[in-house]
Amino acid sequence: MAAALTLHPVRHALPADEDELGELDRSAWSTLHAVLPKPQPPYAPFFGERHRPQDFLVADAATESGGTRIAGYIRLVPPTPLACTAHVRQIQGLVVAGWARRAGVGRTLLRAAFAEARRQGANRMTLRVLGHNAPAQALYASEGFAVEGVLRGELFLEGRYVDDVLMGRPLTP
């Protein structure tokens, strides 16, 4: 476990968080979870038409100087615009800053996402994770997700085929 962090209550992202979230996203890029190439300057805006601030939950950690710093984020959205999936929310991104890893930030964000999804009327949560990302799969499994499907060799990344693992869980108490 990393050194203890003081986390503030998880909150929705604000437009003013764009630069810090963009930097966090770029600094956390890894072949362990990325399906897109490593971002290169000039960087695209973090927020956009399909990536709205209200779709992101943010975990802030206290700094030694008394301020706050974003320790991680989770993106929570409906999986499709169809009415027949209105009861489902999908995690489409979970990032924890390197300095905040192994301190419970990911778990805190997941649990906040469950509460937010329930608040939005959802009763099911899904996600997709790369087959070689064992740490993420273990975290998700420990929070009640089960593997519901595997698309074998679905992605070709860094010169090799990688499975796309579909996971889900109910949101009932």
N, C-alpha and C. Protein backbone atom coordinates (compact mmCIF):
# COMPACT_ATOMS: atom_id res chain seq x y z
N MET A 1 0.85 -1.18 0.00
CA MET A 1 0.00 0.00 0.00
C MET A 1 0.89 1.24 0.00
N ALA A 2 0.51 2.22 -0.79
CA ALA A 2 1.25 3.47 -0.88
C ALA A 2 1.06 4.27 0.41
N ALA A 3 1.84 5.34 0.52
CA ALA A 3 1.67 6.23 1.66
C ALA A 3 0.22 6.71 1.70
N ALA A 4 -0.26 6.96 2.91
CA ALA A 4 -1.66 7.36 3.07
C ALA A 4 -1.93 8.67 2.35
N LEU A 5 -3.03 8.68 1.63
CA LEU A 5 -3.50 9.89 0.96
C LEU A 5 -4.76 10.35 1.67
N THR A 6 -4.94 11.65 1.72
CA THR A 6 -6.19 12.18 2.21
C THR A 6 -7.02 12.53 1.00
N LEU A 7 -8.07 11.73 0.77
CA LEU A 7 -8.95 11.98 -0.38
C LEU A 7 -10.14 12.80 0.05
N HIS A 8 -10.51 13.75 -0.80
CA HIS A 8 -11.74 14.50 -0.62
C HIS A 8 -12.88 13.68 -1.21
N PRO A 9 -14.12 14.02 -0.90
CA PRO A 9 -15.23 13.29 -1.52
C PRO A 9 -15.14 13.36 -3.05
N VAL A 10 -15.44 12.25 -3.70
CA VAL A 10 -15.43 12.21 -5.16
C VAL A 10 -16.48 13.19 -5.67
N ARG A 11 -16.14 13.87 -6.75
CA ARG A 11 -17.01 14.91 -7.31
C ARG A 11 -17.07 14.77 -8.83
N HIS A 12 -18.02 15.46 -9.43
CA HIS A 12 -18.08 15.54 -10.89
C HIS A 12 -16.97 16.47 -11.37
N ALA A 13 -16.42 16.17 -12.52
CA ALA A 13 -15.41 17.05 -13.11
C ALA A 13 -16.04 18.39 -13.48
N LEU A 14 -15.21 19.39 -13.54
CA LEU A 14 -15.60 20.74 -13.93
C LEU A 14 -14.82 21.12 -15.18
N PRO A 15 -15.36 22.00 -16.01
CA PRO A 15 -14.59 22.45 -17.18
C PRO A 15 -13.18 22.94 -16.80
N ALA A 16 -13.04 23.55 -15.63
CA ALA A 16 -11.74 24.05 -15.18
C ALA A 16 -10.72 22.93 -14.92
N ASP A 17 -11.17 21.68 -14.83
CA ASP A 17 -10.28 20.55 -14.60
C ASP A 17 -9.60 20.07 -15.88
N GLU A 18 -9.98 20.62 -17.02
CA GLU A 18 -9.54 20.08 -18.31
C GLU A 18 -8.03 19.92 -18.42
N ASP A 19 -7.26 20.93 -18.11
CA ASP A 19 -5.81 20.83 -18.27
C ASP A 19 -5.21 19.76 -17.36
N GLU A 20 -5.63 19.75 -16.10
CA GLU A 20 -5.08 18.78 -15.15
C GLU A 20 -5.48 17.35 -15.53
N LEU A 21 -6.72 17.16 -15.97
CA LEU A 21 -7.15 15.83 -16.39
C LEU A 21 -6.43 15.39 -17.66
N GLY A 22 -6.22 16.31 -18.58
CA GLY A 22 -5.48 15.99 -19.79
C GLY A 22 -4.06 15.55 -19.48
N GLU A 23 -3.41 16.27 -18.58
CA GLU A 23 -2.04 15.92 -18.18
C GLU A 23 -2.03 14.56 -17.47
N LEU A 24 -2.98 14.33 -16.58
CA LEU A 24 -3.07 13.03 -15.90
C LEU A 24 -3.26 11.91 -16.91
N ASP A 25 -4.14 12.11 -17.85
CA ASP A 25 -4.42 11.10 -18.86
C ASP A 25 -3.15 10.78 -19.67
N ARG A 26 -2.43 11.80 -20.07
CA ARG A 26 -1.20 11.58 -20.86
C ARG A 26 -0.11 10.92 -20.02
N SER A 27 0.03 11.34 -18.76
CA SER A 27 1.10 10.79 -17.92
C SER A 27 0.82 9.33 -17.53
N ALA A 28 -0.44 8.94 -17.52
CA ALA A 28 -0.80 7.57 -17.14
C ALA A 28 -0.86 6.63 -18.34
N TRP A 29 -0.65 7.14 -19.57
CA TRP A 29 -0.75 6.30 -20.76
C TRP A 29 0.19 5.10 -20.62
N SER A 30 -0.33 3.93 -20.98
CA SER A 30 0.45 2.69 -20.87
C SER A 30 -0.09 1.67 -21.84
N THR A 31 0.79 0.82 -22.35
CA THR A 31 0.35 -0.27 -23.22
C THR A 31 -0.48 -1.30 -22.44
N LEU A 32 -0.48 -1.22 -21.12
CA LEU A 32 -1.27 -2.13 -20.31
C LEU A 32 -2.77 -1.91 -20.53
N HIS A 33 -3.15 -0.66 -20.82
CA HIS A 33 -4.58 -0.37 -20.95
C HIS A 33 -4.97 0.44 -22.18
N ALA A 34 -4.02 1.02 -22.88
CA ALA A 34 -4.34 1.92 -23.99
C ALA A 34 -4.62 1.16 -25.28
N VAL A 35 -5.63 1.60 -26.01
CA VAL A 35 -5.91 1.05 -27.33
C VAL A 35 -5.58 2.08 -28.42
N LEU A 36 -5.33 3.30 -28.02
CA LEU A 36 -4.93 4.35 -28.96
C LEU A 36 -3.43 4.61 -28.80
N PRO A 37 -2.78 5.11 -29.84
CA PRO A 37 -1.34 5.43 -29.73
C PRO A 37 -1.09 6.48 -28.65
N LYS A 38 0.14 6.50 -28.16
CA LYS A 38 0.52 7.48 -27.14
C LYS A 38 0.29 8.89 -27.68
N PRO A 39 -0.39 9.74 -26.91
CA PRO A 39 -0.67 11.11 -27.37
C PRO A 39 0.62 11.89 -27.63
N GLN A 40 0.59 12.67 -28.68
CA GLN A 40 1.72 13.51 -29.07
C GLN A 40 1.22 14.94 -29.22
N PRO A 41 2.09 15.92 -28.94
CA PRO A 41 1.68 17.31 -29.15
C PRO A 41 1.43 17.58 -30.62
N PRO A 42 0.56 18.49 -30.97
CA PRO A 42 -0.33 19.24 -30.07
C PRO A 42 -1.44 18.32 -29.57
N TYR A 43 -1.72 18.43 -28.28
CA TYR A 43 -2.70 17.55 -27.65
C TYR A 43 -4.12 18.00 -27.93
N ALA A 44 -4.98 17.03 -28.14
CA ALA A 44 -6.41 17.31 -28.32
C ALA A 44 -7.00 17.73 -26.98
N PRO A 45 -8.06 18.52 -26.98
CA PRO A 45 -8.72 18.87 -25.72
C PRO A 45 -9.20 17.61 -25.00
N PHE A 46 -9.16 17.62 -23.68
CA PHE A 46 -9.63 16.47 -22.90
C PHE A 46 -11.14 16.34 -23.01
N PHE A 47 -11.84 17.45 -22.85
CA PHE A 47 -13.29 17.44 -22.96
C PHE A 47 -13.71 17.73 -24.40
N GLY A 48 -14.85 17.21 -24.77
CA GLY A 48 -15.38 17.42 -26.10
C GLY A 48 -16.84 16.99 -26.13
N GLU A 49 -17.40 16.94 -27.31
CA GLU A 49 -18.81 16.59 -27.47
C GLU A 49 -19.14 15.22 -26.88
N ARG A 50 -18.23 14.26 -27.03
CA ARG A 50 -18.47 12.91 -26.52
C ARG A 50 -17.82 12.67 -25.16
N HIS A 51 -17.04 13.60 -24.67
CA HIS A 51 -16.35 13.49 -23.38
C HIS A 51 -16.64 14.75 -22.57
N ARG A 52 -17.84 14.77 -22.00
CA ARG A 52 -18.32 15.96 -21.29
C ARG A 52 -17.89 15.91 -19.81
N PRO A 53 -17.66 17.06 -19.19
CA PRO A 53 -17.26 17.06 -17.79
C PRO A 53 -18.19 16.25 -16.89
N GLN A 54 -19.50 16.31 -17.14
CA GLN A 54 -20.45 15.60 -16.28
C GLN A 54 -20.35 14.08 -16.39
N ASP A 55 -19.61 13.57 -17.37
CA ASP A 55 -19.43 12.13 -17.51
C ASP A 55 -18.28 11.61 -16.65
N PHE A 56 -17.54 12.51 -16.04
CA PHE A 56 -16.36 12.13 -15.28
C PHE A 56 -16.55 12.38 -13.79
N LEU A 57 -16.13 11.42 -12.98
CA LEU A 57 -16.03 11.60 -11.54
C LEU A 57 -14.54 11.72 -11.22
N VAL A 58 -14.21 12.61 -10.30
CA VAL A 58 -12.83 12.94 -10.00
C VAL A 58 -12.56 12.72 -8.52
N ALA A 59 -11.38 12.13 -8.24
CA ALA A 59 -10.92 11.99 -6.85
C ALA A 59 -9.81 13.00 -6.64
N ASP A 60 -10.01 13.90 -5.69
CA ASP A 60 -8.99 14.89 -5.33
C ASP A 60 -8.29 14.43 -4.07
N ALA A 61 -6.98 14.65 -4.02
CA ALA A 61 -6.19 14.34 -2.83
C ALA A 61 -5.62 15.64 -2.28
N ALA A 62 -5.52 15.71 -0.98
CA ALA A 62 -4.93 16.88 -0.34
C ALA A 62 -3.42 16.90 -0.60
N THR A 63 -2.88 18.09 -0.81
CA THR A 63 -1.44 18.26 -0.97
C THR A 63 -0.84 18.76 0.35
N GLU A 64 0.47 18.66 0.46
CA GLU A 64 1.15 19.12 1.68
C GLU A 64 0.97 20.61 1.89
N SER A 65 0.78 21.35 0.81
CA SER A 65 0.63 22.81 0.92
C SER A 65 -0.79 23.24 1.26
N GLY A 66 -1.69 22.26 1.44
CA GLY A 66 -3.06 22.59 1.81
C GLY A 66 -4.02 22.68 0.63
N GLY A 67 -3.52 22.50 -0.56
CA GLY A 67 -4.38 22.53 -1.74
C GLY A 67 -4.87 21.14 -2.09
N THR A 68 -5.32 20.98 -3.31
CA THR A 68 -5.76 19.67 -3.79
C THR A 68 -5.14 19.41 -5.15
N ARG A 69 -5.09 18.13 -5.47
CA ARG A 69 -4.55 17.67 -6.74
C ARG A 69 -5.40 16.49 -7.17
N ILE A 70 -5.69 16.38 -8.47
CA ILE A 70 -6.50 15.26 -8.94
C ILE A 70 -5.68 13.98 -8.88
N ALA A 71 -6.19 13.00 -8.14
CA ALA A 71 -5.52 11.72 -7.98
C ALA A 71 -6.01 10.69 -8.98
N GLY A 72 -7.19 10.91 -9.57
CA GLY A 72 -7.71 9.97 -10.54
C GLY A 72 -9.09 10.38 -11.01
N TYR A 73 -9.53 9.66 -12.05
CA TYR A 73 -10.87 9.90 -12.57
C TYR A 73 -11.45 8.61 -13.11
N ILE A 74 -12.78 8.61 -13.23
CA ILE A 74 -13.50 7.51 -13.86
C ILE A 74 -14.55 8.13 -14.78
N ARG A 75 -14.70 7.56 -15.96
CA ARG A 75 -15.70 8.04 -16.92
C ARG A 75 -16.85 7.05 -16.91
N LEU A 76 -18.05 7.56 -16.70
CA LEU A 76 -19.26 6.75 -16.57
C LEU A 76 -20.30 7.26 -17.55
N VAL A 77 -20.70 6.41 -18.49
CA VAL A 77 -21.65 6.82 -19.53
C VAL A 77 -22.60 5.68 -19.87
N PRO A 78 -23.74 6.00 -20.50
CA PRO A 78 -24.58 4.93 -21.04
C PRO A 78 -23.79 4.22 -22.16
N PRO A 79 -23.94 2.90 -22.28
CA PRO A 79 -23.17 2.19 -23.31
C PRO A 79 -23.62 2.51 -24.73
N THR A 80 -24.88 2.87 -24.90
CA THR A 80 -25.42 3.24 -26.22
C THR A 80 -26.48 4.32 -26.00
N PRO A 81 -26.90 5.00 -27.06
CA PRO A 81 -27.98 5.99 -26.92
C PRO A 81 -29.37 5.35 -27.00
N LEU A 82 -29.45 4.04 -26.99
CA LEU A 82 -30.72 3.33 -27.14
C LEU A 82 -31.50 3.27 -25.83
N ALA A 83 -32.82 3.39 -25.91
CA ALA A 83 -33.67 3.31 -24.72
C ALA A 83 -33.56 1.95 -24.05
N CYS A 84 -33.30 0.91 -24.83
CA CYS A 84 -33.25 -0.45 -24.26
C CYS A 84 -32.02 -0.69 -23.39
N THR A 85 -31.04 0.25 -23.40
CA THR A 85 -29.88 0.11 -22.50
C THR A 85 -29.83 1.25 -21.47
N ALA A 86 -30.95 1.93 -21.28
CA ALA A 86 -30.98 3.05 -20.34
C ALA A 86 -30.70 2.63 -18.90
N HIS A 87 -30.88 1.37 -18.59
CA HIS A 87 -30.64 0.86 -17.23
C HIS A 87 -29.19 0.49 -16.98
N VAL A 88 -28.32 0.68 -17.96
CA VAL A 88 -26.91 0.28 -17.86
C VAL A 88 -26.02 1.52 -17.91
N ARG A 89 -24.97 1.49 -17.10
CA ARG A 89 -23.90 2.47 -17.21
C ARG A 89 -22.62 1.69 -17.48
N GLN A 90 -21.74 2.32 -18.27
CA GLN A 90 -20.49 1.66 -18.63
C GLN A 90 -19.32 2.53 -18.20
N ILE A 91 -18.33 1.89 -17.63
CA ILE A 91 -17.08 2.58 -17.32
C ILE A 91 -16.27 2.60 -18.60
N GLN A 92 -15.94 3.79 -19.04
CA GLN A 92 -15.13 3.95 -20.25
C GLN A 92 -13.88 4.75 -19.91
N GLY A 93 -13.20 4.32 -18.90
CA GLY A 93 -11.95 4.94 -18.50
C GLY A 93 -11.85 5.05 -17.00
N LEU A 94 -10.77 4.53 -16.46
CA LEU A 94 -10.44 4.65 -15.04
C LEU A 94 -8.94 4.89 -15.00
N VAL A 95 -8.54 6.07 -14.50
CA VAL A 95 -7.13 6.44 -14.47
C VAL A 95 -6.78 6.91 -13.07
N VAL A 96 -5.67 6.40 -12.55
CA VAL A 96 -5.15 6.84 -11.25
C VAL A 96 -3.73 7.34 -11.48
N ALA A 97 -3.41 8.49 -10.93
CA ALA A 97 -2.07 9.06 -11.06
C ALA A 97 -1.04 8.10 -10.47
N GLY A 98 0.14 8.07 -11.07
CA GLY A 98 1.20 7.18 -10.59
C GLY A 98 1.50 7.37 -9.11
N TRP A 99 1.53 8.60 -8.66
CA TRP A 99 1.85 8.88 -7.26
C TRP A 99 0.73 8.48 -6.30
N ALA A 100 -0.47 8.17 -6.84
CA ALA A 100 -1.62 7.84 -5.98
C ALA A 100 -1.99 6.36 -6.06
N ARG A 101 -1.24 5.58 -6.80
CA ARG A 101 -1.60 4.17 -6.98
C ARG A 101 -1.37 3.37 -5.70
N ARG A 102 -2.18 2.33 -5.56
CA ARG A 102 -2.12 1.40 -4.43
C ARG A 102 -2.49 2.08 -3.11
N ALA A 103 -3.29 3.16 -3.22
CA ALA A 103 -3.77 3.86 -2.02
C ALA A 103 -5.29 3.86 -1.94
N GLY A 104 -5.95 3.05 -2.78
CA GLY A 104 -7.40 2.93 -2.72
C GLY A 104 -8.16 3.90 -3.60
N VAL A 105 -7.47 4.66 -4.44
CA VAL A 105 -8.14 5.66 -5.28
C VAL A 105 -9.04 4.97 -6.30
N GLY A 106 -8.54 3.94 -6.97
CA GLY A 106 -9.35 3.23 -7.96
C GLY A 106 -10.61 2.64 -7.36
N ARG A 107 -10.46 2.01 -6.21
CA ARG A 107 -11.62 1.42 -5.52
C ARG A 107 -12.61 2.50 -5.10
N THR A 108 -12.10 3.62 -4.62
CA THR A 108 -12.96 4.74 -4.23
C THR A 108 -13.75 5.26 -5.43
N LEU A 109 -13.08 5.40 -6.56
CA LEU A 109 -13.75 5.86 -7.77
C LEU A 109 -14.80 4.87 -8.25
N LEU A 110 -14.48 3.58 -8.21
CA LEU A 110 -15.46 2.57 -8.61
C LEU A 110 -16.71 2.65 -7.75
N ARG A 111 -16.53 2.73 -6.45
CA ARG A 111 -17.68 2.77 -5.54
C ARG A 111 -18.50 4.04 -5.75
N ALA A 112 -17.82 5.15 -6.02
CA ALA A 112 -18.55 6.39 -6.32
C ALA A 112 -19.32 6.26 -7.63
N ALA A 113 -18.73 5.56 -8.60
CA ALA A 113 -19.41 5.33 -9.88
C ALA A 113 -20.65 4.47 -9.67
N PHE A 114 -20.58 3.47 -8.81
CA PHE A 114 -21.75 2.64 -8.52
C PHE A 114 -22.88 3.50 -7.96
N ALA A 115 -22.53 4.36 -7.00
CA ALA A 115 -23.54 5.23 -6.38
C ALA A 115 -24.12 6.20 -7.40
N GLU A 116 -23.28 6.77 -8.24
CA GLU A 116 -23.75 7.72 -9.25
C GLU A 116 -24.64 7.02 -10.27
N ALA A 117 -24.26 5.83 -10.69
CA ALA A 117 -25.07 5.08 -11.65
C ALA A 117 -26.44 4.77 -11.05
N ARG A 118 -26.46 4.36 -9.79
CA ARG A 118 -27.75 4.10 -9.13
C ARG A 118 -28.58 5.38 -9.07
N ARG A 119 -27.92 6.51 -8.75
CA ARG A 119 -28.62 7.80 -8.69
C ARG A 119 -29.24 8.13 -10.04
N GLN A 120 -28.59 7.74 -11.11
CA GLN A 120 -29.09 7.97 -12.46
C GLN A 120 -30.15 6.95 -12.87
N GLY A 121 -30.45 5.99 -12.01
CA GLY A 121 -31.48 5.00 -12.31
C GLY A 121 -30.97 3.71 -12.92
N ALA A 122 -29.67 3.54 -12.99
CA ALA A 122 -29.11 2.31 -13.56
C ALA A 122 -29.17 1.17 -12.54
N ASN A 123 -29.25 -0.06 -13.07
CA ASN A 123 -29.19 -1.23 -12.19
C ASN A 123 -28.13 -2.23 -12.65
N ARG A 124 -27.30 -1.80 -13.60
CA ARG A 124 -26.25 -2.66 -14.13
C ARG A 124 -25.07 -1.80 -14.57
N MET A 125 -23.86 -2.35 -14.38
CA MET A 125 -22.63 -1.67 -14.77
C MET A 125 -21.79 -2.63 -15.61
N THR A 126 -21.21 -2.11 -16.69
CA THR A 126 -20.34 -2.91 -17.54
C THR A 126 -19.04 -2.17 -17.81
N LEU A 127 -18.07 -2.88 -18.36
CA LEU A 127 -16.81 -2.30 -18.76
C LEU A 127 -16.09 -3.26 -19.69
N ARG A 128 -15.06 -2.76 -20.32
CA ARG A 128 -14.19 -3.57 -21.17
C ARG A 128 -12.77 -3.34 -20.67
N VAL A 129 -11.99 -4.41 -20.63
CA VAL A 129 -10.61 -4.32 -20.15
C VAL A 129 -9.74 -5.22 -21.03
N LEU A 130 -8.51 -4.79 -21.26
CA LEU A 130 -7.61 -5.60 -22.07
C LEU A 130 -7.25 -6.89 -21.35
N GLY A 131 -7.15 -7.96 -22.12
CA GLY A 131 -6.88 -9.27 -21.55
C GLY A 131 -5.59 -9.36 -20.77
N HIS A 132 -4.59 -8.58 -21.12
CA HIS A 132 -3.31 -8.65 -20.40
C HIS A 132 -3.25 -7.71 -19.19
N ASN A 133 -4.34 -7.01 -18.90
CA ASN A 133 -4.35 -6.08 -17.77
C ASN A 133 -4.88 -6.78 -16.51
N ALA A 134 -4.07 -7.70 -15.99
CA ALA A 134 -4.46 -8.48 -14.82
C ALA A 134 -4.73 -7.62 -13.58
N PRO A 135 -3.94 -6.56 -13.31
CA PRO A 135 -4.25 -5.76 -12.12
C PRO A 135 -5.65 -5.14 -12.18
N ALA A 136 -6.04 -4.61 -13.33
CA ALA A 136 -7.38 -4.01 -13.45
C ALA A 136 -8.45 -5.08 -13.31
N GLN A 137 -8.27 -6.22 -13.94
CA GLN A 137 -9.25 -7.29 -13.85
C GLN A 137 -9.42 -7.74 -12.40
N ALA A 138 -8.32 -7.82 -11.65
CA ALA A 138 -8.41 -8.21 -10.24
C ALA A 138 -9.17 -7.18 -9.42
N LEU A 139 -8.92 -5.90 -9.67
CA LEU A 139 -9.65 -4.84 -8.96
C LEU A 139 -11.13 -4.95 -9.27
N TYR A 140 -11.48 -5.06 -10.55
CA TYR A 140 -12.88 -5.15 -10.92
C TYR A 140 -13.55 -6.37 -10.30
N ALA A 141 -12.89 -7.51 -10.34
CA ALA A 141 -13.46 -8.73 -9.75
C ALA A 141 -13.68 -8.55 -8.25
N SER A 142 -12.75 -7.87 -7.58
CA SER A 142 -12.90 -7.66 -6.13
C SER A 142 -14.06 -6.74 -5.80
N GLU A 143 -14.53 -5.99 -6.79
CA GLU A 143 -15.67 -5.09 -6.61
C GLU A 143 -16.94 -5.65 -7.23
N GLY A 144 -16.97 -6.95 -7.48
CA GLY A 144 -18.20 -7.61 -7.90
C GLY A 144 -18.40 -7.82 -9.40
N PHE A 145 -17.46 -7.40 -10.21
CA PHE A 145 -17.57 -7.63 -11.64
C PHE A 145 -17.21 -9.08 -11.97
N ALA A 146 -17.88 -9.62 -12.96
CA ALA A 146 -17.58 -10.96 -13.46
C ALA A 146 -17.32 -10.87 -14.96
N VAL A 147 -16.46 -11.75 -15.44
CA VAL A 147 -16.22 -11.81 -16.88
C VAL A 147 -17.48 -12.36 -17.53
N GLU A 148 -18.00 -11.62 -18.50
CA GLU A 148 -19.22 -12.03 -19.19
C GLU A 148 -18.96 -12.40 -20.64
N GLY A 149 -17.75 -12.15 -21.09
CA GLY A 149 -17.38 -12.52 -22.45
C GLY A 149 -15.95 -12.12 -22.74
N VAL A 150 -15.36 -12.82 -23.68
CA VAL A 150 -14.00 -12.52 -24.11
C VAL A 150 -13.99 -12.53 -25.63
N LEU A 151 -13.58 -11.42 -26.22
CA LEU A 151 -13.40 -11.34 -27.66
C LEU A 151 -11.93 -11.65 -27.92
N ARG A 152 -11.65 -12.89 -28.23
CA ARG A 152 -10.27 -13.37 -28.40
C ARG A 152 -9.59 -12.67 -29.59
N GLY A 153 -8.40 -12.13 -29.32
CA GLY A 153 -7.62 -11.50 -30.36
C GLY A 153 -8.30 -10.33 -31.05
N GLU A 154 -9.21 -9.67 -30.36
CA GLU A 154 -10.01 -8.59 -30.94
C GLU A 154 -9.18 -7.36 -31.33
N LEU A 155 -8.10 -7.14 -30.60
CA LEU A 155 -7.29 -5.95 -30.82
C LEU A 155 -5.86 -6.34 -31.22
N PHE A 156 -5.28 -5.56 -32.11
CA PHE A 156 -3.88 -5.76 -32.50
C PHE A 156 -3.11 -4.56 -31.98
N LEU A 157 -2.34 -4.77 -30.91
CA LEU A 157 -1.64 -3.69 -30.22
C LEU A 157 -0.17 -4.04 -30.07
N GLU A 158 0.67 -3.09 -30.41
CA GLU A 158 2.11 -3.28 -30.23
C GLU A 158 2.60 -4.59 -30.85
N GLY A 159 2.06 -4.94 -32.01
CA GLY A 159 2.52 -6.11 -32.73
C GLY A 159 1.98 -7.45 -32.28
N ARG A 160 0.96 -7.43 -31.40
CA ARG A 160 0.38 -8.71 -30.99
C ARG A 160 -1.12 -8.58 -30.79
N TYR A 161 -1.79 -9.72 -30.86
CA TYR A 161 -3.24 -9.76 -30.67
C TYR A 161 -3.55 -9.81 -29.18
N VAL A 162 -4.54 -9.02 -28.79
CA VAL A 162 -4.92 -8.90 -27.38
C VAL A 162 -6.42 -9.12 -27.25
N ASP A 163 -6.81 -9.86 -26.21
CA ASP A 163 -8.23 -10.10 -25.95
C ASP A 163 -8.89 -8.86 -25.39
N ASP A 164 -10.16 -8.69 -25.72
CA ASP A 164 -11.01 -7.64 -25.17
C ASP A 164 -11.97 -8.36 -24.22
N VAL A 165 -11.82 -8.10 -22.92
CA VAL A 165 -12.59 -8.80 -21.90
C VAL A 165 -13.77 -7.93 -21.48
N LEU A 166 -14.97 -8.50 -21.56
CA LEU A 166 -16.19 -7.81 -21.18
C LEU A 166 -16.56 -8.24 -19.76
N MET A 167 -16.77 -7.26 -18.89
CA MET A 167 -17.12 -7.56 -17.50
C MET A 167 -18.39 -6.78 -17.14
N GLY A 168 -19.14 -7.31 -16.21
CA GLY A 168 -20.34 -6.63 -15.75
C GLY A 168 -20.71 -7.02 -14.35
N ARG A 169 -21.61 -6.27 -13.78
CA ARG A 169 -22.11 -6.56 -12.43
C ARG A 169 -23.44 -5.87 -12.22
N PRO A 170 -24.28 -6.46 -11.38
CA PRO A 170 -25.52 -5.78 -11.03
C PRO A 170 -25.24 -4.65 -10.05
N LEU A 171 -26.14 -3.67 -10.00
CA LEU A 171 -25.99 -2.56 -9.06
C LEU A 171 -26.99 -2.63 -7.93
N THR A 172 -27.67 -3.75 -7.83
CA THR A 172 -28.64 -3.90 -6.74
C THR A 172 -27.90 -4.00 -5.42
N PRO A 173 -28.47 -3.44 -4.36
CA PRO A 173 -27.76 -3.45 -3.06
C PRO A 173 -27.57 -4.86 -2.53
